[in-house]
C-alpha atoms as a PDB file:
ATOM      1  CA  MET A   1      17.719 -31.503 -47.391  1.00  0.00           C
ATOM      2  CA  ASN A   2      18.742 -28.100 -46.085  1.00  0.00           C
ATOM      3  CA  ALA A   3      15.979 -25.750 -45.098  1.00  0.00           C
ATOM      4  CA  PRO A   4      15.594 -22.736 -47.419  1.00  0.00           C
ATOM      5  CA  HIS A   5      17.208 -19.551 -46.218  1.00  0.00           C
ATOM      6  CA  ALA A   6      14.807 -17.006 -44.793  1.00  0.00           C
ATOM      7  CA  PRO A   7      14.937 -13.629 -46.560  1.00  0.00           C
ATOM      8  CA  HIS A   8      17.178 -11.199 -44.744  1.00  0.00           C
ATOM      9  CA  ALA A   9      15.714  -8.203 -42.970  1.00  0.00           C
ATOM     10  CA  PRO A  10      15.798  -5.062 -45.094  1.00  0.00           C
ATOM     11  CA  ARG A  11      18.868  -2.889 -44.590  1.00  0.00           C
ATOM     12  CA  ARG A  12      17.053   0.402 -44.408  1.00  0.00           C
ATOM     13  CA  ALA A  13      17.873   4.085 -44.503  1.00  0.00           C
ATOM     14  CA  LEU A  14      15.301   6.695 -43.528  1.00  0.00           C
ATOM     15  CA  ILE A  15      15.293   9.522 -46.088  1.00  0.00           C
ATOM     16  CA  LEU A  16      13.728  12.805 -44.981  1.00  0.00           C
ATOM     17  CA  VAL A  17      12.773  14.389 -48.287  1.00  0.00           C
ATOM     18  CA  ASP A  18      12.478  18.179 -48.142  1.00  0.00           C
ATOM     19  CA  VAL A  19      10.868  18.533 -44.715  1.00  0.00           C
ATOM     20  CA  GLN A  20      11.198  22.282 -45.150  1.00  0.00           C
ATOM     21  CA  GLN A  21       9.302  25.369 -44.110  1.00  0.00           C
ATOM     22  CA  GLU A  22       8.128  25.973 -47.683  1.00  0.00           C
ATOM     23  CA  TYR A  23       5.649  23.142 -47.229  1.00  0.00           C
ATOM     24  CA  PHE A  24       4.256  24.535 -43.983  1.00  0.00           C
ATOM     25  CA  ASP A  25       3.915  28.232 -44.773  1.00  0.00           C
ATOM     26  CA  GLY A  26       3.616  29.476 -48.343  1.00  0.00           C
ATOM     27  CA  PRO A  27       2.238  28.654 -51.790  1.00  0.00           C
ATOM     28  CA  LEU A  28       3.393  25.045 -51.512  1.00  0.00           C
ATOM     29  CA  GLU A  29       1.678  24.290 -48.204  1.00  0.00           C
ATOM     30  CA  VAL A  30       0.912  20.581 -47.994  1.00  0.00           C
ATOM     31  CA  ARG A  31      -2.853  20.089 -47.894  1.00  0.00           C
ATOM     32  CA  TYR A  32      -3.237  16.338 -47.414  1.00  0.00           C
ATOM     33  CA  PRO A  33      -2.621  14.594 -45.148  1.00  0.00           C
ATOM     34  CA  PRO A  34      -2.741  17.602 -42.783  1.00  0.00           C
ATOM     35  CA  ARG A  35       0.862  18.785 -42.625  1.00  0.00           C
ATOM     36  CA  GLU A  36       1.102  18.939 -38.837  1.00  0.00           C
ATOM     37  CA  GLU A  37      -0.134  15.347 -38.617  1.00  0.00           C
ATOM     38  CA  SER A  38       2.416  14.301 -41.232  1.00  0.00           C
ATOM     39  CA  LEU A  39       5.111  16.072 -39.236  1.00  0.00           C
ATOM     40  CA  GLU A  40       4.194  14.082 -36.123  1.00  0.00           C
ATOM     41  CA  HIS A  41       4.602  10.862 -38.090  1.00  0.00           C
ATOM     42  CA  ILE A  42       7.920  12.048 -39.541  1.00  0.00           C
ATOM     43  CA  LEU A  43       9.209  12.678 -36.024  1.00  0.00           C
ATOM     44  CA  ALA A  44       7.933   9.245 -34.953  1.00  0.00           C
ATOM     45  CA  ALA A  45       9.807   7.699 -37.897  1.00  0.00           C
ATOM     46  CA  ILE A  46      12.978   9.487 -36.769  1.00  0.00           C
ATOM     47  CA  ASP A  47      12.489   8.059 -33.262  1.00  0.00           C
ATOM     48  CA  THR A  48      12.085   4.567 -34.674  1.00  0.00           C
ATOM     49  CA  ALA A  49      15.125   4.879 -36.925  1.00  0.00           C
ATOM     50  CA  GLU A  50      17.313   6.093 -34.078  1.00  0.00           C
ATOM     51  CA  GLN A  51      16.083   3.373 -31.750  1.00  0.00           C
ATOM     52  CA  HIS A  52      16.910   0.676 -34.310  1.00  0.00           C
ATOM     53  CA  GLY A  53      20.173   2.067 -35.641  1.00  0.00           C
ATOM     54  CA  ILE A  54      18.775   2.923 -39.062  1.00  0.00           C
ATOM     55  CA  PRO A  55      20.858   5.568 -40.898  1.00  0.00           C
ATOM     56  CA  ILE A  56      19.110   8.870 -41.584  1.00  0.00           C
ATOM     57  CA  ALA A  57      19.606  11.301 -44.449  1.00  0.00           C
ATOM     58  CA  ALA A  58      18.022  14.760 -44.609  1.00  0.00           C
ATOM     59  CA  VAL A  59      17.556  16.207 -48.084  1.00  0.00           C
ATOM     60  CA  GLN A  60      16.817  19.871 -48.755  1.00  0.00           C
ATOM     61  CA  HIS A  61      15.567  21.457 -51.953  1.00  0.00           C
ATOM     62  CA  GLY A  62      17.143  24.768 -52.880  1.00  0.00           C
ATOM     63  CA  TYR A  63      17.166  27.389 -55.626  1.00  0.00           C
ATOM     64  CA  PRO A  64      19.254  30.552 -56.079  1.00  0.00           C
ATOM     65  CA  ALA A  65      18.572  33.593 -53.894  1.00  0.00           C
ATOM     66  CA  GLY A  66      15.575  35.544 -55.145  1.00  0.00           C
ATOM     67  CA  SER A  67      13.653  32.486 -56.349  1.00  0.00           C
ATOM     68  CA  PRO A  68       9.939  32.491 -55.431  1.00  0.00           C
ATOM     69  CA  VAL A  69      10.290  29.251 -53.440  1.00  0.00           C
ATOM     70  CA  PHE A  70      13.201  27.447 -51.761  1.00  0.00           C
ATOM     71  CA  ALA A  71      15.467  30.469 -52.209  1.00  0.00           C
ATOM     72  CA  GLU A  72      18.904  29.819 -50.754  1.00  0.00           C
ATOM     73  CA  GLY A  73      19.088  31.221 -47.231  1.00  0.00           C
ATOM     74  CA  SER A  74      15.359  31.967 -47.027  1.00  0.00           C
ATOM     75  CA  GLU A  75      13.072  30.888 -44.216  1.00  0.00           C
ATOM     76  CA  GLY A  76      11.190  28.610 -46.602  1.00  0.00           C
ATOM     77  CA  GLN A  77      14.359  26.772 -47.562  1.00  0.00           C
ATOM     78  CA  ARG A  78      15.149  25.829 -43.958  1.00  0.00           C
ATOM     79  CA  LEU A  79      14.323  22.484 -42.412  1.00  0.00           C
ATOM     80  CA  HIS A  80      11.216  22.572 -40.256  1.00  0.00           C
ATOM     81  CA  PRO A  81      12.398  23.535 -36.728  1.00  0.00           C
ATOM     82  CA  ALA A  82      11.100  20.292 -35.228  1.00  0.00           C
ATOM     83  CA  VAL A  83      13.346  18.346 -37.608  1.00  0.00           C
ATOM     84  CA  ALA A  84      16.258  20.782 -37.421  1.00  0.00           C
ATOM     85  CA  ASP A  85      16.314  20.296 -33.654  1.00  0.00           C
ATOM     86  CA  ARG A  86      16.680  16.545 -34.148  1.00  0.00           C
ATOM     87  CA  VAL A  87      19.577  16.531 -36.629  1.00  0.00           C
ATOM     88  CA  GLY A  88      22.369  14.381 -35.237  1.00  0.00           C
ATOM     89  CA  GLU A  89      26.065  14.203 -36.016  1.00  0.00           C
ATOM     90  CA  GLY A  90      25.630  10.925 -37.856  1.00  0.00           C
ATOM     91  CA  TRP A  91      22.951  12.232 -40.204  1.00  0.00           C
ATOM     92  CA  LYS A  92      23.736  12.590 -43.887  1.00  0.00           C
ATOM     93  CA  ARG A  93      22.884  16.066 -45.244  1.00  0.00           C
ATOM     94  CA  VAL A  94      22.502  16.847 -48.952  1.00  0.00           C
ATOM     95  CA  SER A  95      20.904  19.488 -51.184  1.00  0.00           C
ATOM     96  CA  LYS A  96      19.245  19.203 -54.578  1.00  0.00           C
ATOM     97  CA  THR A  97      17.333  21.209 -57.211  1.00  0.00           C
ATOM     98  CA  VAL A  98      15.461  18.364 -58.938  1.00  0.00           C
ATOM     99  CA  ALA A  99      12.786  15.890 -57.883  1.00  0.00           C
ATOM    100  CA  SER A 100      14.974  12.819 -57.377  1.00  0.00           C
ATOM    101  CA  ILE A 101      17.421  12.725 -54.480  1.00  0.00           C
ATOM    102  CA  PHE A 102      20.078  11.004 -56.597  1.00  0.00           C
ATOM    103  CA  PRO A 103      21.422  12.990 -59.602  1.00  0.00           C
ATOM    104  CA  GLU A 104      22.934  15.956 -57.752  1.00  0.00           C
ATOM    105  CA  THR A 105      24.054  14.265 -54.545  1.00  0.00           C
ATOM    106  CA  ASP A 106      26.438  11.575 -53.338  1.00  0.00           C
ATOM    107  CA  LEU A 107      23.619   9.615 -51.699  1.00  0.00           C
ATOM    108  CA  ASN A 108      24.134   6.639 -53.995  1.00  0.00           C
ATOM    109  CA  ALA A 109      27.709   6.234 -52.723  1.00  0.00           C
ATOM    110  CA  TRP A 110      26.548   6.704 -49.112  1.00  0.00           C
ATOM    111  CA  ILE A 111      23.882   4.037 -49.624  1.00  0.00           C
ATOM    112  CA  GLU A 112      26.370   1.593 -51.120  1.00  0.00           C
ATOM    113  CA  ASP A 113      28.930   2.280 -48.392  1.00  0.00           C
ATOM    114  CA  LYS A 114      26.410   1.423 -45.684  1.00  0.00           C
ATOM    115  CA  GLY A 115      25.109  -1.679 -47.446  1.00  0.00           C
ATOM    116  CA  ILE A 116      21.600  -0.244 -47.654  1.00  0.00           C
ATOM    117  CA  ASP A 117      19.094  -1.996 -49.897  1.00  0.00           C
ATOM    118  CA  THR A 118      15.847  -0.277 -48.862  1.00  0.00           C
ATOM    119  CA  LEU A 119      14.978   3.403 -48.714  1.00  0.00           C
ATOM    120  CA  THR A 120      12.140   4.586 -46.497  1.00  0.00           C
ATOM    121  CA  LEU A 121      10.815   7.893 -47.815  1.00  0.00           C
ATOM    122  CA  VAL A 122       9.012  10.516 -45.760  1.00  0.00           C
ATOM    123  CA  GLY A 123       8.432  14.197 -46.468  1.00  0.00           C
ATOM    124  CA  SER A 124       7.205  16.215 -49.402  1.00  0.00           C
ATOM    125  CA  MET A 125       5.790  16.291 -51.916  1.00  0.00           C
ATOM    126  CA  THR A 126       4.079  13.042 -52.780  1.00  0.00           C
ATOM    127  CA  ASN A 127       3.460  14.400 -56.266  1.00  0.00           C
ATOM    128  CA  ASN A 128       7.022  15.484 -56.980  1.00  0.00           C
ATOM    129  CA  CYS A 129      10.080  14.442 -54.992  1.00  0.00           C
ATOM    130  CA  ILE A 130       8.606  11.287 -53.437  1.00  0.00           C
ATOM    131  CA  ILE A 131       7.441   9.754 -56.702  1.00  0.00           C
ATOM    132  CA  GLY A 132      10.511  11.086 -58.523  1.00  0.00           C
ATOM    133  CA  THR A 133      12.845   9.420 -56.040  1.00  0.00           C
ATOM    134  CA  ALA A 134      10.896   6.160 -55.949  1.00  0.00           C
ATOM    135  CA  ALA A 135      10.992   5.858 -59.732  1.00  0.00           C
ATOM    136  CA  ASP A 136      14.697   6.746 -59.825  1.00  0.00           C
ATOM    137  CA  ALA A 137      15.507   4.091 -57.222  1.00  0.00           C
ATOM    138  CA  GLU A 138      14.164   1.263 -59.377  1.00  0.00           C
ATOM    139  CA  PRO A 139      17.029   1.133 -61.939  1.00  0.00           C
ATOM    140  CA  ARG A 140      19.491   1.379 -59.050  1.00  0.00           C
ATOM    141  CA  GLY A 141      18.231  -1.916 -57.624  1.00  0.00           C
ATOM    142  CA  LEU A 142      16.933  -0.319 -54.432  1.00  0.00           C
ATOM    143  CA  ALA A 143      13.684  -1.230 -52.726  1.00  0.00           C
ATOM    144  CA  VAL A 144      11.555   1.690 -51.587  1.00  0.00           C
ATOM    145  CA  GLU A 145       9.070   2.134 -48.767  1.00  0.00           C
ATOM    146  CA  VAL A 146       6.790   5.173 -48.647  1.00  0.00           C
ATOM    147  CA  LEU A 147       5.046   6.077 -45.389  1.00  0.00           C
ATOM    148  CA  SER A 148       1.614   7.293 -46.444  1.00  0.00           C
ATOM    149  CA  ASP A 149       0.911   9.272 -43.280  1.00  0.00           C
ATOM    150  CA  ALA A 150       4.370  10.894 -43.194  1.00  0.00           C
ATOM    151  CA  THR A 151       4.242  12.347 -46.710  1.00  0.00           C
ATOM    152  CA  GLY A 152       1.934  14.904 -48.271  1.00  0.00           C
ATOM    153  CA  ALA A 153       0.578  16.488 -51.427  1.00  0.00           C
ATOM    154  CA  VAL A 154      -0.812  19.786 -52.676  1.00  0.00           C
ATOM    155  CA  ALA A 155      -3.918  20.403 -54.757  1.00  0.00           C
ATOM    156  CA  LEU A 156      -3.184  20.829 -58.456  1.00  0.00           C
ATOM    157  CA  SER A 157      -4.903  22.833 -61.176  1.00  0.00           C
ATOM    158  CA  ASN A 158      -3.745  23.574 -64.720  1.00  0.00           C
ATOM    159  CA  ASP A 159      -4.974  23.492 -68.326  1.00  0.00           C
ATOM    160  CA  VAL A 160      -5.670  19.769 -68.095  1.00  0.00           C
ATOM    161  CA  GLY A 161      -7.896  19.917 -65.024  1.00  0.00           C
ATOM    162  CA  SER A 162      -8.032  20.186 -61.245  1.00  0.00           C
ATOM    163  CA  VAL A 163      -7.588  17.645 -58.468  1.00  0.00           C
ATOM    164  CA  THR A 164      -7.688  17.960 -54.707  1.00  0.00           C
ATOM    165  CA  ALA A 165      -4.675  17.219 -52.545  1.00  0.00           C
ATOM    166  CA  GLN A 166      -6.375  14.102 -51.202  1.00  0.00           C
ATOM    167  CA  GLN A 167      -7.061  12.842 -54.726  1.00  0.00           C
ATOM    168  CA  VAL A 168      -3.445  13.447 -55.656  1.00  0.00           C
ATOM    169  CA  HIS A 169      -2.062  11.756 -52.545  1.00  0.00           C
ATOM    170  CA  ASP A 170      -4.384   8.766 -52.469  1.00  0.00           C
ATOM    171  CA  THR A 171      -3.971   8.082 -56.190  1.00  0.00           C
ATOM    172  CA  LEU A 172      -0.191   8.243 -55.960  1.00  0.00           C
ATOM    173  CA  MET A 173      -0.123   5.925 -52.959  1.00  0.00           C
ATOM    174  CA  VAL A 174      -2.008   3.314 -55.005  1.00  0.00           C
ATOM    175  CA  LEU A 175       0.252   3.922 -58.008  1.00  0.00           C
ATOM    176  CA  LEU A 176       3.447   3.666 -55.957  1.00  0.00           C
ATOM    177  CA  HIS A 177       2.273   0.493 -54.230  1.00  0.00           C
ATOM    178  CA  SER A 178       1.527  -1.092 -57.602  1.00  0.00           C
ATOM    179  CA  ASN A 179       5.143  -1.037 -58.760  1.00  0.00           C
ATOM    180  CA  PHE A 180       7.605   1.469 -57.333  1.00  0.00           C
ATOM    181  CA  ALA A 181       7.302   1.075 -53.555  1.00  0.00           C
ATOM    182  CA  ALA A 182       5.790  -0.667 -50.589  1.00  0.00           C
ATOM    183  CA  VAL A 183       3.336   1.776 -49.045  1.00  0.00           C
ATOM    184  CA  GLY A 184       2.338   1.642 -45.394  1.00  0.00           C
ATOM    185  CA  THR A 185       1.708   3.771 -42.347  1.00  0.00           C
ATOM    186  CA  THR A 186       4.376   4.778 -39.877  1.00  0.00           C
ATOM    187  CA  ALA A 187       2.944   2.310 -37.345  1.00  0.00           C
ATOM    188  CA  GLN A 188       3.023  -0.526 -39.899  1.00  0.00           C
ATOM    189  CA  TRP A 189       6.624   0.373 -40.748  1.00  0.00           C
ATOM    190  CA  ARG A 190       7.648   0.219 -37.100  1.00  0.00           C
ATOM    191  CA  SER A 191       5.977  -3.174 -36.725  1.00  0.00           C
ATOM    192  CA  ALA A 192       7.809  -4.455 -39.813  1.00  0.00           C
ATOM    193  CA  ILE A 193      11.142  -3.274 -38.391  1.00  0.00           C
ATOM    194  CA  GLU A 194      10.475  -4.961 -35.062  1.00  0.00           C
ATOM    195  CA  ALA A 195       9.578  -8.182 -36.894  1.00  0.00           C
ATOM    196  CA  GLY A 196      12.653  -7.981 -39.140  1.00  0.00           C
ATOM    197  CA  GLU A 197      10.452  -7.888 -42.225  1.00  0.00           C
ATOM    198  CA  ALA A 198       9.831  -5.770 -45.292  1.00  0.00           C
ATOM    199  CA  LEU A 199       6.592  -3.886 -45.715  1.00  0.00           C
ATOM    200  CA  GLY A 200       4.170  -5.825 -47.866  1.00  0.00           C
ATOM    201  CA  THR A 201       3.695  -4.607 -51.423  1.00  0.00           C
ATOM    202  CA  SER A 202       1.794  -5.427 -54.588  1.00  0.00           C
ATOM    203  CA  ASP A 203       2.775  -5.574 -58.259  1.00  0.00           C
ATOM    204  CA  LEU A 204       1.558  -4.028 -61.486  1.00  0.00           C
ATOM    205  CA  VAL A 205      -0.237  -7.106 -62.839  1.00  0.00           C
ATOM    206  CA  SER A 206      -2.070  -7.828 -59.582  1.00  0.00           C
ATOM    207  CA  SER A 207      -3.007  -4.181 -59.193  1.00  0.00           C
ATOM    208  CA  ALA A 208      -4.233  -3.935 -62.773  1.00  0.00           C
ATOM    209  CA  THR A 209      -6.300  -7.125 -62.705  1.00  0.00           C
ATOM    210  CA  GLY A 210      -7.760  -6.183 -59.342  1.00  0.00           C
ATOM    211  CA  GLY A 211      -8.767  -2.728 -60.550  1.00  0.00           C
END
């Protein structure tokens, strides 16, 4: 009897989601995890991707000139300098105006062309573009990894109630891990790459019955 085939190593792409100045200086400042710590982990993820030949895409949010945030050509719309200094010739660059990275870009074609089956998401915000992209990847048949210490959230308050940035982030990490993504730290992700493995995940039934 032939031995069963071992699952292949994930064919990853590292997606830098909106690592822009707007999240470091302005009304949308990331509050948790601390944004400078998240940035360090984002840069570490870039190092890992480059060392292992993992394709990188940098996504930027943008609105028309004069908009209160992400105005085209504004300082807030720019990539964070630490990331801008790292952009290489082989990086994919796209812009968007909605939460998901897919509808307004050609990333789906780029992903298919490179044979990618797993997206690793870092950047901002956990409560908007990260969860929006993870949910949008599901019907496309793509696996998603979210690096919990290389993403970040803001505090939220509206007519329904108020939650801290940590509550938002931690809750969404549990939610994502239950169905839409495998959630882990940057160090765990690097270890998985070196082992040729996927990040471990959960599922909705297990998460619900364990709750």
